[in-house]
Amino acid sequence: MFDPLGALLRTFGPFVIPVALFVAGLVGYGVLVALGRAGLVETSDDEPAESGDGWRRR
């Protein structure tokens, strides 16, 4: 019987595990960005919009 997970691990070794986690994170981030741009995720009205200055706070 063919074991796709076993074949993948034999081919690429344990390197495939962090790559899969990274790809899953990218997909999740992309979903959150898409929801935010569509206006489906509410933002707090207490804080001003970020000006693009990075992590600096006023």
PDB file of N, CA and C in Angstrom:
ATOM      1  N   MET A   1       0.842  -1.185   0.000  1.00  0.00           N
ATOM      2  CA  MET A   1       0.000   0.000   0.000  1.00  0.00           C
ATOM      3  C   MET A   1       0.883   1.242   0.000  1.00  0.00           C
ATOM      4  N   PHE A   2       0.493   2.261  -0.739  1.00  0.00           N
ATOM      5  CA  PHE A   2       1.274   3.485  -0.891  1.00  0.00           C
ATOM      6  C   PHE A   2       1.009   4.419   0.284  1.00  0.00           C
ATOM      7  N   ASP A   3       2.081   4.869   0.911  1.00  0.00           N
ATOM      8  CA  ASP A   3       1.989   5.790   2.047  1.00  0.00           C
ATOM      9  C   ASP A   3       2.549   7.142   1.614  1.00  0.00           C
ATOM     10  N   PRO A   4       1.678   8.124   1.248  1.00  0.00           N
ATOM     11  CA  PRO A   4       2.185   9.399   0.728  1.00  0.00           C
ATOM     12  C   PRO A   4       2.999  10.183   1.750  1.00  0.00           C
ATOM     13  N   LEU A   5       2.598  10.157   3.022  1.00  0.00           N
ATOM     14  CA  LEU A   5       3.353  10.879   4.039  1.00  0.00           C
ATOM     15  C   LEU A   5       4.734  10.259   4.236  1.00  0.00           C
ATOM     16  N   GLY A   6       4.798   8.943   4.264  1.00  0.00           N
ATOM     17  CA  GLY A   6       6.076   8.250   4.398  1.00  0.00           C
ATOM     18  C   GLY A   6       6.986   8.502   3.202  1.00  0.00           C
ATOM     19  N   ALA A   7       6.410   8.502   2.009  1.00  0.00           N
ATOM     20  CA  ALA A   7       7.192   8.771   0.809  1.00  0.00           C
ATOM     21  C   ALA A   7       7.728  10.193   0.809  1.00  0.00           C
ATOM     22  N   LEU A   8       6.904  11.121   1.266  1.00  0.00           N
ATOM     23  CA  LEU A   8       7.333  12.519   1.334  1.00  0.00           C
ATOM     24  C   LEU A   8       8.481  12.683   2.329  1.00  0.00           C
ATOM     25  N   LEU A   9       8.369  12.043   3.476  1.00  0.00           N
ATOM     26  CA  LEU A   9       9.436  12.137   4.483  1.00  0.00           C
ATOM     27  C   LEU A   9      10.711  11.435   4.016  1.00  0.00           C
ATOM     28  N   ARG A  10      10.584  10.324   3.307  1.00  0.00           N
ATOM     29  CA  ARG A  10      11.772   9.649   2.792  1.00  0.00           C
ATOM     30  C   ARG A  10      12.460  10.493   1.720  1.00  0.00           C
ATOM     31  N   THR A  11      11.672  11.220   0.926  1.00  0.00           N
ATOM     32  CA  THR A  11      12.237  12.012  -0.159  1.00  0.00           C
ATOM     33  C   THR A  11      12.915  13.274   0.358  1.00  0.00           C
ATOM     34  N   PHE A  12      12.232  14.033   1.198  1.00  0.00           N
ATOM     35  CA  PHE A  12      12.736  15.331   1.635  1.00  0.00           C
ATOM     36  C   PHE A  12      13.243  15.346   3.064  1.00  0.00           C
ATOM     37  N   GLY A  13      13.026  14.300   3.810  1.00  0.00           N
ATOM     38  CA  GLY A  13      13.494  14.229   5.187  1.00  0.00           C
ATOM     39  C   GLY A  13      12.661  15.108   6.111  1.00  0.00           C
ATOM     40  N   PRO A  14      13.174  15.365   7.288  1.00  0.00           N
ATOM     41  CA  PRO A  14      12.417  16.147   8.270  1.00  0.00           C
ATOM     42  C   PRO A  14      12.278  17.622   7.888  1.00  0.00           C
ATOM     43  N   PHE A  15      12.942  18.067   6.812  1.00  0.00           N
ATOM     44  CA  PHE A  15      12.843  19.453   6.375  1.00  0.00           C
ATOM     45  C   PHE A  15      11.420  19.802   5.961  1.00  0.00           C
ATOM     46  N   VAL A  16      10.635  18.799   5.567  1.00  0.00           N
ATOM     47  CA  VAL A  16       9.285  19.052   5.073  1.00  0.00           C
ATOM     48  C   VAL A  16       8.359  19.541   6.195  1.00  0.00           C
ATOM     49  N   ILE A  17       8.630  19.199   7.440  1.00  0.00           N
ATOM     50  CA  ILE A  17       7.748  19.584   8.551  1.00  0.00           C
ATOM     51  C   ILE A  17       7.764  21.094   8.771  1.00  0.00           C
ATOM     52  N   PRO A  18       8.923  21.757   8.936  1.00  0.00           N
ATOM     53  CA  PRO A  18       8.870  23.210   9.105  1.00  0.00           C
ATOM     54  C   PRO A  18       8.377  23.939   7.859  1.00  0.00           C
ATOM     55  N   VAL A  19       8.637  23.394   6.693  1.00  0.00           N
ATOM     56  CA  VAL A  19       8.139  24.022   5.463  1.00  0.00           C
ATOM     57  C   VAL A  19       6.614  23.962   5.430  1.00  0.00           C
ATOM     58  N   ALA A  20       6.042  22.836   5.824  1.00  0.00           N
ATOM     59  CA  ALA A  20       4.584  22.705   5.851  1.00  0.00           C
ATOM     60  C   ALA A  20       3.973  23.677   6.858  1.00  0.00           C
ATOM     61  N   LEU A  21       4.603  23.839   8.013  1.00  0.00           N
ATOM     62  CA  LEU A  21       4.105  24.791   9.006  1.00  0.00           C
ATOM     63  C   LEU A  21       4.195  26.221   8.485  1.00  0.00           C
ATOM     64  N   PHE A  22       5.273  26.542   7.792  1.00  0.00           N
ATOM     65  CA  PHE A  22       5.443  27.872   7.221  1.00  0.00           C
ATOM     66  C   PHE A  22       4.366  28.159   6.180  1.00  0.00           C
ATOM     67  N   VAL A  23       4.110  27.194   5.314  1.00  0.00           N
ATOM     68  CA  VAL A  23       3.095  27.363   4.277  1.00  0.00           C
ATOM     69  C   VAL A  23       1.709  27.513   4.912  1.00  0.00           C
ATOM     70  N   ALA A  24       1.428  26.727   5.947  1.00  0.00           N
ATOM     71  CA  ALA A  24       0.140  26.853   6.635  1.00  0.00           C
ATOM     72  C   ALA A  24       0.000  28.237   7.258  1.00  0.00           C
ATOM     73  N   GLY A  25       1.088  28.781   7.806  1.00  0.00           N
ATOM     74  CA  GLY A  25       1.060  30.130   8.369  1.00  0.00           C
ATOM     75  C   GLY A  25       0.826  31.182   7.304  1.00  0.00           C
ATOM     76  N   LEU A  26       1.455  31.024   6.153  1.00  0.00           N
ATOM     77  CA  LEU A  26       1.235  31.967   5.053  1.00  0.00           C
ATOM     78  C   LEU A  26      -0.218  31.958   4.582  1.00  0.00           C
ATOM     79  N   VAL A  27      -0.781  30.778   4.484  1.00  0.00           N
ATOM     80  CA  VAL A  27      -2.177  30.668   4.054  1.00  0.00           C
ATOM     81  C   VAL A  27      -3.092  31.327   5.086  1.00  0.00           C
ATOM     82  N   GLY A  28      -2.842  31.073   6.371  1.00  0.00           N
ATOM     83  CA  GLY A  28      -3.643  31.687   7.421  1.00  0.00           C
ATOM     84  C   GLY A  28      -3.519  33.195   7.433  1.00  0.00           C
ATOM     85  N   TYR A  29      -2.309  33.689   7.256  1.00  0.00           N
ATOM     86  CA  TYR A  29      -2.093  35.136   7.199  1.00  0.00           C
ATOM     87  C   TYR A  29      -2.815  35.743   6.002  1.00  0.00           C
ATOM     88  N   GLY A  30      -2.747  35.061   4.878  1.00  0.00           N
ATOM     89  CA  GLY A  30      -3.445  35.548   3.686  1.00  0.00           C
ATOM     90  C   GLY A  30      -4.949  35.614   3.889  1.00  0.00           C
ATOM     91  N   VAL A  31      -5.503  34.630   4.587  1.00  0.00           N
ATOM     92  CA  VAL A  31      -6.938  34.650   4.881  1.00  0.00           C
ATOM     93  C   VAL A  31      -7.271  35.836   5.778  1.00  0.00           C
ATOM     94  N   LEU A  32      -6.463  36.076   6.803  1.00  0.00           N
ATOM     95  CA  LEU A  32      -6.721  37.199   7.699  1.00  0.00           C
ATOM     96  C   LEU A  32      -6.607  38.540   6.982  1.00  0.00           C
ATOM     97  N   VAL A  33      -5.629  38.676   6.101  1.00  0.00           N
ATOM     98  CA  VAL A  33      -5.485  39.919   5.338  1.00  0.00           C
ATOM     99  C   VAL A  33      -6.691  40.119   4.431  1.00  0.00           C
ATOM    100  N   ALA A  34      -7.130  39.048   3.776  1.00  0.00           N
ATOM    101  CA  ALA A  34      -8.286  39.153   2.883  1.00  0.00           C
ATOM    102  C   ALA A  34      -9.539  39.532   3.666  1.00  0.00           C
ATOM    103  N   LEU A  35      -9.731  38.946   4.849  1.00  0.00           N
ATOM    104  CA  LEU A  35     -10.891  39.286   5.666  1.00  0.00           C
ATOM    105  C   LEU A  35     -10.815  40.737   6.140  1.00  0.00           C
ATOM    106  N   GLY A  36      -9.624  41.187   6.488  1.00  0.00           N
ATOM    107  CA  GLY A  36      -9.459  42.570   6.925  1.00  0.00           C
ATOM    108  C   GLY A  36      -9.731  43.557   5.816  1.00  0.00           C
ATOM    109  N   ARG A  37      -9.277  43.254   4.637  1.00  0.00           N
ATOM    110  CA  ARG A  37      -9.504  44.156   3.499  1.00  0.00           C
ATOM    111  C   ARG A  37     -10.963  44.164   3.065  1.00  0.00           C
ATOM    112  N   ALA A  38     -11.648  43.043   3.278  1.00  0.00           N
ATOM    113  CA  ALA A  38     -13.053  42.966   2.917  1.00  0.00           C
ATOM    114  C   ALA A  38     -13.933  43.633   3.972  1.00  0.00           C
ATOM    115  N   GLY A  39     -13.342  44.017   5.104  1.00  0.00           N
ATOM    116  CA  GLY A  39     -14.098  44.679   6.160  1.00  0.00           C
ATOM    117  C   GLY A  39     -14.843  43.725   7.060  1.00  0.00           C
ATOM    118  N   LEU A  40     -14.504  42.446   7.023  1.00  0.00           N
ATOM    119  CA  LEU A  40     -15.183  41.464   7.860  1.00  0.00           C
ATOM    120  C   LEU A  40     -14.575  41.344   9.247  1.00  0.00           C
ATOM    121  N   VAL A  41     -13.394  41.911   9.431  1.00  0.00           N
ATOM    122  CA  VAL A  41     -12.740  41.904  10.732  1.00  0.00           C
ATOM    123  C   VAL A  41     -12.755  43.327  11.244  1.00  0.00           C
ATOM    124  N   GLU A  42     -13.389  43.533  12.409  1.00  0.00           N
ATOM    125  CA  GLU A  42     -13.492  44.876  12.960  1.00  0.00           C
ATOM    126  C   GLU A  42     -12.197  45.256  13.654  1.00  0.00           C
ATOM    127  N   THR A  43     -11.853  46.528  13.557  1.00  0.00           N
ATOM    128  CA  THR A  43     -10.684  47.039  14.264  1.00  0.00           C
ATOM    129  C   THR A  43     -11.154  47.942  15.380  1.00  0.00           C
ATOM    130  N   SER A  44     -10.313  48.146  16.359  1.00  0.00           N
ATOM    131  CA  SER A  44     -10.656  48.979  17.503  1.00  0.00           C
ATOM    132  C   SER A  44     -10.679  50.445  17.093  1.00  0.00           C
ATOM    133  N   ASP A  45     -11.698  51.173  17.529  1.00  0.00           N
ATOM    134  CA  ASP A  45     -11.781  52.600  17.231  1.00  0.00           C
ATOM    135  C   ASP A  45     -10.991  53.437  18.234  1.00  0.00           C
ATOM    136  N   ASP A  46     -10.471  52.792  19.289  1.00  0.00           N
ATOM    137  CA  ASP A  46      -9.736  53.510  20.323  1.00  0.00           C
ATOM    138  C   ASP A  46      -8.346  53.921  19.865  1.00  0.00           C
ATOM    139  N   GLU A  47      -7.761  53.161  18.979  1.00  0.00           N
ATOM    140  CA  GLU A  47      -6.399  53.426  18.543  1.00  0.00           C
ATOM    141  C   GLU A  47      -6.414  54.094  17.167  1.00  0.00           C
ATOM    142  N   PRO A  48      -5.538  55.071  16.959  1.00  0.00           N
ATOM    143  CA  PRO A  48      -5.463  55.680  15.626  1.00  0.00           C
ATOM    144  C   PRO A  48      -4.868  54.706  14.616  1.00  0.00           C
ATOM    145  N   ALA A  49      -5.142  54.925  13.369  1.00  0.00           N
ATOM    146  CA  ALA A  49      -4.579  54.073  12.325  1.00  0.00           C
ATOM    147  C   ALA A  49      -3.068  54.228  12.297  1.00  0.00           C
ATOM    148  N   GLU A  50      -2.379  53.135  12.000  1.00  0.00           N
ATOM    149  CA  GLU A  50      -0.921  53.185  11.958  1.00  0.00           C
ATOM    150  C   GLU A  50      -0.462  54.008  10.772  1.00  0.00           C
ATOM    151  N   SER A  51       0.605  54.754  10.990  1.00  0.00           N
ATOM    152  CA  SER A  51       1.079  55.658   9.946  1.00  0.00           C
ATOM    153  C   SER A  51       2.180  55.042   9.091  1.00  0.00           C
ATOM    154  N   GLY A  52       2.555  53.812   9.361  1.00  0.00           N
ATOM    155  CA  GLY A  52       3.613  53.171   8.598  1.00  0.00           C
ATOM    156  C   GLY A  52       4.990  53.404   9.186  1.00  0.00           C
ATOM    157  N   ASP A  53       5.058  53.896  10.409  1.00  0.00           N
ATOM    158  CA  ASP A  53       6.351  54.156  11.053  1.00  0.00           C
ATOM    159  C   ASP A  53       6.890  52.928  11.772  1.00  0.00           C
ATOM    160  N   GLY A  54       6.362  51.787  11.500  1.00  0.00           N
ATOM    161  CA  GLY A  54       6.853  50.576  12.143  1.00  0.00           C
ATOM    162  C   GLY A  54       6.261  50.413  13.526  1.00  0.00           C
ATOM    163  N   TRP A  55       7.109  50.040  14.480  1.00  0.00           N
ATOM    164  CA  TRP A  55       6.636  49.720  15.828  1.00  0.00           C
ATOM    165  C   TRP A  55       6.673  50.919  16.763  1.00  0.00           C
ATOM    166  N   ARG A  56       7.085  52.073  16.275  1.00  0.00           N
ATOM    167  CA  ARG A  56       7.174  53.241  17.156  1.00  0.00           C
ATOM    168  C   ARG A  56       5.801  53.706  17.597  1.00  0.00           C
ATOM    169  N   ARG A  57       5.691  54.041  18.854  1.00  0.00           N
ATOM    170  CA  ARG A  57       4.441  54.590  19.395  1.00  0.00           C
ATOM    171  C   ARG A  57       4.625  56.051  19.708  1.00  0.00           C
ATOM    172  N   ARG A  58       3.570  56.795  19.651  1.00  0.00           N
ATOM    173  CA  ARG A  58       3.635  58.226  19.969  1.00  0.00           C
ATOM    174  C   ARG A  58       3.543  58.465  21.443  1.00  0.00           C
TER     175      ARG A  58
END
